[in-house]
Amino acid sequence: MKYAFPGQRNGEVRVQFKQTENNKYKLVIADNGVGIPEDMEIDTSGSLGMNLMRGLTNQLDGTFFIENKKGLMIIVIFSQSSIDKNHQ
Protein backbone atom coordinates (compact mmCIF):
# COMPACT_ATOMS: atom_id res chain seq x y z
CA MET A 1 0.00 0.00 0.00
CA LYS A 2 2.78 2.37 0.92
CA TYR A 3 4.43 2.11 -2.48
CA ALA A 4 1.41 1.39 -4.65
CA PHE A 5 -0.20 4.78 -4.06
CA PRO A 6 2.51 7.40 -3.48
CA GLY A 7 1.69 10.95 -2.45
CA GLN A 8 -1.55 9.97 -0.72
CA ARG A 9 -3.00 9.03 -4.10
CA ASN A 10 -6.38 7.29 -3.91
CA GLY A 11 -6.50 3.77 -5.18
CA GLU A 12 -8.35 0.50 -5.20
CA VAL A 13 -7.30 -2.93 -3.96
CA ARG A 14 -9.22 -6.05 -4.94
CA VAL A 15 -8.92 -9.46 -3.29
CA GLN A 16 -10.56 -12.53 -4.79
CA PHE A 17 -10.42 -16.11 -3.54
CA LYS A 18 -12.15 -18.98 -5.29
CA GLN A 19 -12.04 -22.70 -5.84
CA THR A 20 -11.27 -23.77 -9.38
CA GLU A 21 -11.23 -27.18 -11.02
CA ASN A 22 -9.53 -30.23 -9.52
CA ASN A 23 -9.60 -28.96 -5.90
CA LYS A 24 -7.34 -26.03 -6.70
CA TYR A 25 -7.67 -22.58 -5.21
CA LYS A 26 -6.89 -19.23 -6.74
CA LEU A 27 -6.06 -16.11 -4.73
CA VAL A 28 -5.90 -12.85 -6.66
CA ILE A 29 -4.69 -9.61 -5.13
CA ALA A 30 -4.78 -6.62 -7.47
CA ASP A 31 -4.50 -2.86 -7.26
CA ASN A 32 -4.57 0.08 -9.62
CA GLY A 33 -1.42 1.63 -8.19
CA VAL A 34 1.88 2.41 -9.87
CA GLY A 35 2.96 -1.23 -10.11
CA ILE A 36 6.53 -2.38 -9.67
CA PRO A 37 9.50 -0.80 -11.46
CA GLU A 38 10.06 -2.15 -14.97
CA ASP A 39 13.71 -2.89 -14.20
CA MET A 40 12.94 -4.98 -11.10
CA GLU A 41 13.90 -8.64 -11.53
CA ILE A 42 10.98 -10.39 -9.86
CA ASP A 43 12.61 -13.84 -9.83
CA THR A 44 15.73 -12.62 -8.04
CA SER A 45 14.35 -9.74 -5.99
CA GLY A 46 15.25 -9.83 -2.31
CA SER A 47 12.47 -7.42 -1.33
CA LEU A 48 10.37 -8.22 1.71
CA GLY A 49 7.21 -8.45 -0.40
CA MET A 50 8.70 -10.89 -2.90
CA ASN A 51 10.25 -12.99 -0.12
CA LEU A 52 6.85 -13.19 1.58
CA MET A 53 5.17 -14.23 -1.68
CA ARG A 54 7.78 -16.91 -2.35
CA GLY A 55 7.53 -18.19 1.24
CA LEU A 56 3.73 -18.34 1.21
CA THR A 57 3.68 -20.06 -2.15
CA ASN A 58 6.34 -22.59 -1.09
CA GLN A 59 4.41 -23.42 2.09
CA LEU A 60 1.33 -24.10 -0.03
CA ASP A 61 3.26 -26.06 -2.68
CA GLY A 62 1.75 -23.61 -5.12
CA THR A 63 2.74 -21.21 -7.84
CA PHE A 64 2.39 -17.49 -8.22
CA PHE A 65 2.37 -15.12 -11.14
CA ILE A 66 2.66 -11.36 -11.30
CA GLU A 67 1.13 -9.08 -13.90
CA ASN A 68 2.40 -5.52 -13.91
CA LYS A 69 -0.16 -3.73 -16.10
CA LYS A 70 -2.37 -0.85 -14.99
CA GLY A 71 -1.32 -1.61 -11.44
CA LEU A 72 -0.17 -4.89 -9.97
CA MET A 73 -1.90 -8.26 -9.95
CA ILE A 74 -0.59 -11.24 -7.99
CA ILE A 75 -2.15 -14.64 -8.64
CA VAL A 76 -1.46 -17.56 -6.28
CA ILE A 77 -2.66 -21.06 -7.20
CA PHE A 78 -2.51 -24.02 -4.83
CA SER A 79 -4.33 -27.29 -4.18
CA GLN A 80 -6.53 -28.58 -1.38
CA SER A 81 -4.05 -31.40 -0.77
CA SER A 82 -1.31 -28.90 0.11
CA ILE A 83 -3.56 -27.36 2.77
CA ASP A 84 -4.41 -30.79 4.19
CA LYS A 85 -0.73 -31.81 4.22
CA ASN A 86 0.37 -28.62 6.00
CA HIS A 87 -2.26 -28.95 8.73
CA GLN A 88 -1.67 -32.54 9.82
C-alpha atoms as a PDB file:
ATOM      1  CA  MET A   1       0.000   0.000   0.000  1.00  0.00           C
ATOM      2  CA  LYS A   2       2.775   2.374   0.920  1.00  0.00           C
ATOM      3  CA  TYR A   3       4.435   2.113  -2.483  1.00  0.00           C
ATOM      4  CA  ALA A   4       1.407   1.388  -4.655  1.00  0.00           C
ATOM      5  CA  PHE A   5      -0.201   4.782  -4.062  1.00  0.00           C
ATOM      6  CA  PRO A   6       2.506   7.403  -3.476  1.00  0.00           C
ATOM      7  CA  GLY A   7       1.694  10.948  -2.451  1.00  0.00           C
ATOM      8  CA  GLN A   8      -1.552   9.967  -0.724  1.00  0.00           C
ATOM      9  CA  ARG A   9      -2.999   9.029  -4.099  1.00  0.00           C
ATOM     10  CA  ASN A  10      -6.378   7.294  -3.907  1.00  0.00           C
ATOM     11  CA  GLY A  11      -6.500   3.765  -5.181  1.00  0.00           C
ATOM     12  CA  GLU A  12      -8.346   0.502  -5.205  1.00  0.00           C
ATOM     13  CA  VAL A  13      -7.298  -2.933  -3.963  1.00  0.00           C
ATOM     14  CA  ARG A  14      -9.221  -6.054  -4.942  1.00  0.00           C
ATOM     15  CA  VAL A  15      -8.921  -9.464  -3.288  1.00  0.00           C
ATOM     16  CA  GLN A  16     -10.557 -12.534  -4.794  1.00  0.00           C
ATOM     17  CA  PHE A  17     -10.422 -16.113  -3.541  1.00  0.00           C
ATOM     18  CA  LYS A  18     -12.151 -18.980  -5.293  1.00  0.00           C
ATOM     19  CA  GLN A  19     -12.043 -22.699  -5.840  1.00  0.00           C
ATOM     20  CA  THR A  20     -11.273 -23.768  -9.381  1.00  0.00           C
ATOM     21  CA  GLU A  21     -11.230 -27.178 -11.023  1.00  0.00           C
ATOM     22  CA  ASN A  22      -9.527 -30.231  -9.519  1.00  0.00           C
ATOM     23  CA  ASN A  23      -9.604 -28.958  -5.905  1.00  0.00           C
ATOM     24  CA  LYS A  24      -7.345 -26.030  -6.695  1.00  0.00           C
ATOM     25  CA  TYR A  25      -7.675 -22.578  -5.205  1.00  0.00           C
ATOM     26  CA  LYS A  26      -6.894 -19.229  -6.743  1.00  0.00           C
ATOM     27  CA  LEU A  27      -6.063 -16.114  -4.735  1.00  0.00           C
ATOM     28  CA  VAL A  28      -5.895 -12.851  -6.664  1.00  0.00           C
ATOM     29  CA  ILE A  29      -4.686  -9.605  -5.128  1.00  0.00           C
ATOM     30  CA  ALA A  30      -4.782  -6.622  -7.470  1.00  0.00           C
ATOM     31  CA  ASP A  31      -4.497  -2.862  -7.258  1.00  0.00           C
ATOM     32  CA  ASN A  32      -4.574   0.079  -9.624  1.00  0.00           C
ATOM     33  CA  GLY A  33      -1.420   1.627  -8.192  1.00  0.00           C
ATOM     34  CA  VAL A  34       1.876   2.413  -9.866  1.00  0.00           C
ATOM     35  CA  GLY A  35       2.959  -1.233 -10.113  1.00  0.00           C
ATOM     36  CA  ILE A  36       6.534  -2.377  -9.668  1.00  0.00           C
ATOM     37  CA  PRO A  37       9.498  -0.804 -11.457  1.00  0.00           C
ATOM     38  CA  GLU A  38      10.057  -2.147 -14.972  1.00  0.00           C
ATOM     39  CA  ASP A  39      13.710  -2.886 -14.202  1.00  0.00           C
ATOM     40  CA  MET A  40      12.940  -4.979 -11.102  1.00  0.00           C
ATOM     41  CA  GLU A  41      13.905  -8.635 -11.531  1.00  0.00           C
ATOM     42  CA  ILE A  42      10.981 -10.393  -9.864  1.00  0.00           C
ATOM     43  CA  ASP A  43      12.610 -13.843  -9.831  1.00  0.00           C
ATOM     44  CA  THR A  44      15.730 -12.623  -8.036  1.00  0.00           C
ATOM     45  CA  SER A  45      14.352  -9.745  -5.985  1.00  0.00           C
ATOM     46  CA  GLY A  46      15.250  -9.831  -2.306  1.00  0.00           C
ATOM     47  CA  SER A  47      12.475  -7.421  -1.330  1.00  0.00           C
ATOM     48  CA  LEU A  48      10.368  -8.221   1.711  1.00  0.00           C
ATOM     49  CA  GLY A  49       7.209  -8.451  -0.401  1.00  0.00           C
ATOM     50  CA  MET A  50       8.705 -10.895  -2.901  1.00  0.00           C
ATOM     51  CA  ASN A  51      10.252 -12.985  -0.117  1.00  0.00           C
ATOM     52  CA  LEU A  52       6.851 -13.189   1.583  1.00  0.00           C
ATOM     53  CA  MET A  53       5.170 -14.230  -1.677  1.00  0.00           C
ATOM     54  CA  ARG A  54       7.780 -16.915  -2.346  1.00  0.00           C
ATOM     55  CA  GLY A  55       7.534 -18.187   1.244  1.00  0.00           C
ATOM     56  CA  LEU A  56       3.729 -18.340   1.207  1.00  0.00           C
ATOM     57  CA  THR A  57       3.682 -20.064  -2.148  1.00  0.00           C
ATOM     58  CA  ASN A  58       6.341 -22.587  -1.092  1.00  0.00           C
ATOM     59  CA  GLN A  59       4.407 -23.423   2.086  1.00  0.00           C
ATOM     60  CA  LEU A  60       1.326 -24.098  -0.027  1.00  0.00           C
ATOM     61  CA  ASP A  61       3.258 -26.065  -2.684  1.00  0.00           C
ATOM     62  CA  GLY A  62       1.745 -23.606  -5.122  1.00  0.00           C
ATOM     63  CA  THR A  63       2.741 -21.211  -7.843  1.00  0.00           C
ATOM     64  CA  PHE A  64       2.393 -17.485  -8.221  1.00  0.00           C
ATOM     65  CA  PHE A  65       2.366 -15.118 -11.135  1.00  0.00           C
ATOM     66  CA  ILE A  66       2.661 -11.357 -11.297  1.00  0.00           C
ATOM     67  CA  GLU A  67       1.131  -9.076 -13.898  1.00  0.00           C
ATOM     68  CA  ASN A  68       2.404  -5.519 -13.907  1.00  0.00           C
ATOM     69  CA  LYS A  69      -0.157  -3.732 -16.103  1.00  0.00           C
ATOM     70  CA  LYS A  70      -2.369  -0.847 -14.987  1.00  0.00           C
ATOM     71  CA  GLY A  71      -1.317  -1.613 -11.435  1.00  0.00           C
ATOM     72  CA  LEU A  72      -0.168  -4.889  -9.969  1.00  0.00           C
ATOM     73  CA  MET A  73      -1.904  -8.263  -9.948  1.00  0.00           C
ATOM     74  CA  ILE A  74      -0.595 -11.239  -7.988  1.00  0.00           C
ATOM     75  CA  ILE A  75      -2.154 -14.641  -8.639  1.00  0.00           C
ATOM     76  CA  VAL A  76      -1.456 -17.562  -6.284  1.00  0.00           C
ATOM     77  CA  ILE A  77      -2.657 -21.061  -7.200  1.00  0.00           C
ATOM     78  CA  PHE A  78      -2.508 -24.022  -4.828  1.00  0.00           C
ATOM     79  CA  SER A  79      -4.331 -27.291  -4.184  1.00  0.00           C
ATOM     80  CA  GLN A  80      -6.529 -28.583  -1.376  1.00  0.00           C
ATOM     81  CA  SER A  81      -4.049 -31.397  -0.772  1.00  0.00           C
ATOM     82  CA  SER A  82      -1.311 -28.896   0.107  1.00  0.00           C
ATOM     83  CA  ILE A  83      -3.557 -27.359   2.766  1.00  0.00           C
ATOM     84  CA  ASP A  84      -4.405 -30.786   4.192  1.00  0.00           C
ATOM     85  CA  LYS A  85      -0.733 -31.813   4.218  1.00  0.00           C
ATOM     86  CA  ASN A  86       0.373 -28.618   5.998  1.00  0.00           C
ATOM     87  CA  HIS A  87      -2.256 -28.952   8.732  1.00  0.00           C
ATOM     88  CA  GLN A  88      -1.669 -32.544   9.824  1.00  0.00           C
END
